[in-house]
Amino acid sequence: MKKQQYVSYLLILIGSITAIYGQSGDEKNVAILIIGIIILMYGIYRISSKIPSKFDKESNDKENEHEDI
């Protein structure tokens, strides 16, 4: 599980560096910038998909309260 987290962080880092590289310089390279943003967003998606929803927790708590009564 830790390996997947490290891969996600690595994707974010690589995507950020690639996007910054595509943006820098006199001649902007749009293709490299787009590829960097795609890699960055994929890394963020992988991390955010592992975070549990706040609303799911609240609905489970409400269901448990009704069972106690």
N, C-alpha and C. Protein backbone atom coordinates (compact mmCIF):
# COMPACT_ATOMS: atom_id res chain seq x y z
N MET A 1 0.83 -1.19 0.00
CA MET A 1 0.00 0.00 0.00
C MET A 1 0.87 1.25 0.00
N LYS A 2 1.96 1.22 0.71
CA LYS A 2 2.86 2.37 0.74
C LYS A 2 3.49 2.61 -0.63
N LYS A 3 3.73 1.52 -1.38
CA LYS A 3 4.31 1.68 -2.71
C LYS A 3 3.39 2.48 -3.62
N GLN A 4 2.09 2.23 -3.51
CA GLN A 4 1.13 2.96 -4.34
C GLN A 4 1.12 4.44 -4.00
N GLN A 5 1.26 4.76 -2.72
CA GLN A 5 1.32 6.16 -2.32
C GLN A 5 2.57 6.82 -2.87
N TYR A 6 3.70 6.13 -2.79
CA TYR A 6 4.94 6.69 -3.31
C TYR A 6 4.87 6.90 -4.82
N VAL A 7 4.23 5.97 -5.51
CA VAL A 7 4.07 6.11 -6.96
C VAL A 7 3.20 7.33 -7.26
N SER A 8 2.15 7.54 -6.49
CA SER A 8 1.29 8.70 -6.70
C SER A 8 2.04 10.01 -6.46
N TYR A 9 2.82 10.05 -5.40
CA TYR A 9 3.61 11.25 -5.13
C TYR A 9 4.66 11.47 -6.21
N LEU A 10 5.24 10.40 -6.70
CA LEU A 10 6.22 10.50 -7.77
C LEU A 10 5.57 11.03 -9.05
N LEU A 11 4.36 10.56 -9.35
CA LEU A 11 3.64 11.06 -10.51
C LEU A 11 3.35 12.55 -10.39
N ILE A 12 2.97 12.99 -9.20
CA ILE A 12 2.72 14.42 -8.99
C ILE A 12 4.00 15.22 -9.20
N LEU A 13 5.10 14.73 -8.68
CA LEU A 13 6.37 15.42 -8.83
C LEU A 13 6.81 15.48 -10.29
N ILE A 14 6.73 14.35 -10.99
CA ILE A 14 7.12 14.30 -12.39
C ILE A 14 6.22 15.20 -13.24
N GLY A 15 4.91 15.15 -12.97
CA GLY A 15 3.98 16.00 -13.71
C GLY A 15 4.23 17.47 -13.49
N SER A 16 4.54 17.84 -12.25
CA SER A 16 4.82 19.24 -11.93
C SER A 16 6.09 19.73 -12.65
N ILE A 17 7.12 18.93 -12.58
CA ILE A 17 8.38 19.30 -13.22
C ILE A 17 8.20 19.40 -14.73
N THR A 18 7.47 18.45 -15.31
CA THR A 18 7.24 18.47 -16.75
C THR A 18 6.42 19.69 -17.16
N ALA A 19 5.39 20.03 -16.40
CA ALA A 19 4.56 21.19 -16.72
C ALA A 19 5.36 22.48 -16.59
N ILE A 20 6.19 22.58 -15.57
CA ILE A 20 7.02 23.77 -15.40
C ILE A 20 8.03 23.88 -16.54
N TYR A 21 8.60 22.75 -16.93
CA TYR A 21 9.56 22.75 -18.04
C TYR A 21 8.87 23.17 -19.34
N GLY A 22 7.66 22.69 -19.58
CA GLY A 22 6.93 23.06 -20.79
C GLY A 22 6.55 24.52 -20.81
N GLN A 23 6.38 25.13 -19.65
CA GLN A 23 6.00 26.53 -19.55
C GLN A 23 7.20 27.48 -19.63
N SER A 24 8.37 27.00 -19.24
CA SER A 24 9.54 27.88 -19.15
C SER A 24 10.16 28.12 -20.53
N GLY A 25 11.00 29.08 -20.57
CA GLY A 25 11.72 29.39 -21.80
C GLY A 25 10.98 30.37 -22.68
N ASP A 26 11.67 30.80 -23.74
CA ASP A 26 11.07 31.76 -24.66
C ASP A 26 9.97 31.12 -25.49
N GLU A 27 10.22 29.89 -25.94
CA GLU A 27 9.25 29.19 -26.77
C GLU A 27 8.49 28.18 -25.90
N LYS A 28 7.20 28.43 -25.68
CA LYS A 28 6.39 27.55 -24.85
C LYS A 28 6.02 26.29 -25.64
N ASN A 29 6.27 25.13 -25.04
CA ASN A 29 5.94 23.87 -25.68
C ASN A 29 4.62 23.36 -25.09
N VAL A 30 3.55 23.53 -25.85
CA VAL A 30 2.21 23.22 -25.35
C VAL A 30 2.03 21.72 -25.14
N ALA A 31 2.60 20.91 -26.00
CA ALA A 31 2.45 19.46 -25.88
C ALA A 31 3.06 18.95 -24.57
N ILE A 32 4.25 19.41 -24.24
CA ILE A 32 4.90 18.98 -22.98
C ILE A 32 4.11 19.51 -21.79
N LEU A 33 3.59 20.71 -21.89
CA LEU A 33 2.78 21.28 -20.80
C LEU A 33 1.52 20.44 -20.57
N ILE A 34 0.85 20.04 -21.63
CA ILE A 34 -0.36 19.23 -21.50
C ILE A 34 -0.04 17.86 -20.92
N ILE A 35 1.03 17.24 -21.37
CA ILE A 35 1.44 15.93 -20.84
C ILE A 35 1.75 16.05 -19.35
N GLY A 36 2.44 17.11 -18.96
CA GLY A 36 2.76 17.33 -17.55
C GLY A 36 1.52 17.50 -16.70
N ILE A 37 0.55 18.24 -17.21
CA ILE A 37 -0.69 18.45 -16.47
C ILE A 37 -1.47 17.14 -16.35
N ILE A 38 -1.48 16.34 -17.41
CA ILE A 38 -2.18 15.05 -17.35
C ILE A 38 -1.55 14.14 -16.30
N ILE A 39 -0.23 14.06 -16.28
CA ILE A 39 0.46 13.22 -15.28
C ILE A 39 0.19 13.74 -13.87
N LEU A 40 0.24 15.05 -13.70
CA LEU A 40 -0.03 15.67 -12.40
C LEU A 40 -1.44 15.35 -11.93
N MET A 41 -2.42 15.52 -12.78
CA MET A 41 -3.81 15.27 -12.40
C MET A 41 -4.07 13.79 -12.11
N TYR A 42 -3.40 12.89 -12.84
CA TYR A 42 -3.56 11.46 -12.58
C TYR A 42 -3.00 11.10 -11.20
N GLY A 43 -1.86 11.70 -10.83
CA GLY A 43 -1.30 11.46 -9.50
C GLY A 43 -2.21 11.98 -8.41
N ILE A 44 -2.80 13.15 -8.61
CA ILE A 44 -3.73 13.71 -7.63
C ILE A 44 -4.98 12.84 -7.53
N TYR A 45 -5.47 12.35 -8.67
CA TYR A 45 -6.64 11.48 -8.67
C TYR A 45 -6.38 10.20 -7.87
N ARG A 46 -5.19 9.61 -8.05
CA ARG A 46 -4.87 8.37 -7.32
C ARG A 46 -4.86 8.60 -5.82
N ILE A 47 -4.34 9.74 -5.38
CA ILE A 47 -4.29 10.02 -3.95
C ILE A 47 -5.69 10.32 -3.41
N SER A 48 -6.45 11.13 -4.15
CA SER A 48 -7.78 11.52 -3.65
C SER A 48 -8.76 10.36 -3.67
N SER A 49 -8.54 9.36 -4.50
CA SER A 49 -9.47 8.23 -4.53
C SER A 49 -9.31 7.35 -3.29
N LYS A 50 -8.21 7.45 -2.59
CA LYS A 50 -7.98 6.66 -1.37
C LYS A 50 -8.53 7.34 -0.12
N ILE A 51 -8.88 8.62 -0.21
CA ILE A 51 -9.38 9.35 0.95
C ILE A 51 -10.88 9.08 1.08
N PRO A 52 -11.34 8.64 2.25
CA PRO A 52 -12.77 8.36 2.41
C PRO A 52 -13.59 9.66 2.40
N SER A 53 -14.81 9.55 1.96
CA SER A 53 -15.70 10.69 1.87
C SER A 53 -16.18 11.11 3.25
N LYS A 54 -16.26 12.40 3.47
CA LYS A 54 -16.75 12.94 4.73
C LYS A 54 -18.25 12.65 4.87
N PHE A 55 -18.97 12.71 3.78
CA PHE A 55 -20.41 12.53 3.82
C PHE A 55 -20.79 11.08 4.10
N ASP A 56 -20.00 10.13 3.64
CA ASP A 56 -20.27 8.73 3.94
C ASP A 56 -20.16 8.47 5.44
N LYS A 57 -19.19 9.08 6.07
CA LYS A 57 -19.00 8.90 7.51
C LYS A 57 -20.18 9.47 8.29
N GLU A 58 -20.65 10.66 7.88
CA GLU A 58 -21.77 11.28 8.57
C GLU A 58 -23.04 10.45 8.42
N SER A 59 -23.29 9.91 7.23
CA SER A 59 -24.50 9.11 7.02
C SER A 59 -24.43 7.81 7.83
N ASN A 60 -23.25 7.21 7.94
CA ASN A 60 -23.10 6.01 8.75
C ASN A 60 -23.33 6.30 10.23
N ASP A 61 -22.88 7.46 10.70
CA ASP A 61 -23.09 7.85 12.09
C ASP A 61 -24.58 8.03 12.38
N LYS A 62 -25.31 8.63 11.44
CA LYS A 62 -26.75 8.85 11.64
C LYS A 62 -27.50 7.53 11.67
N GLU A 63 -27.09 6.59 10.81
CA GLU A 63 -27.73 5.27 10.80
C GLU A 63 -27.49 4.54 12.12
N ASN A 64 -26.31 4.67 12.66
CA ASN A 64 -25.97 4.01 13.93
C ASN A 64 -26.75 4.63 15.10
N GLU A 65 -27.04 5.94 15.04
CA GLU A 65 -27.80 6.59 16.10
C GLU A 65 -29.21 6.03 16.15
N HIS A 66 -29.81 5.79 14.99
CA HIS A 66 -31.17 5.27 14.94
C HIS A 66 -31.23 3.83 15.44
N GLU A 67 -30.18 3.08 15.26
CA GLU A 67 -30.15 1.70 15.73
C GLU A 67 -30.04 1.63 17.25
N ASP A 68 -29.41 2.65 17.87
CA ASP A 68 -29.24 2.64 19.32
C ASP A 68 -30.55 2.88 20.05
N ILE A 69 -31.49 3.52 19.41
CA ILE A 69 -32.74 3.90 20.09
C ILE A 69 -33.70 2.76 20.19
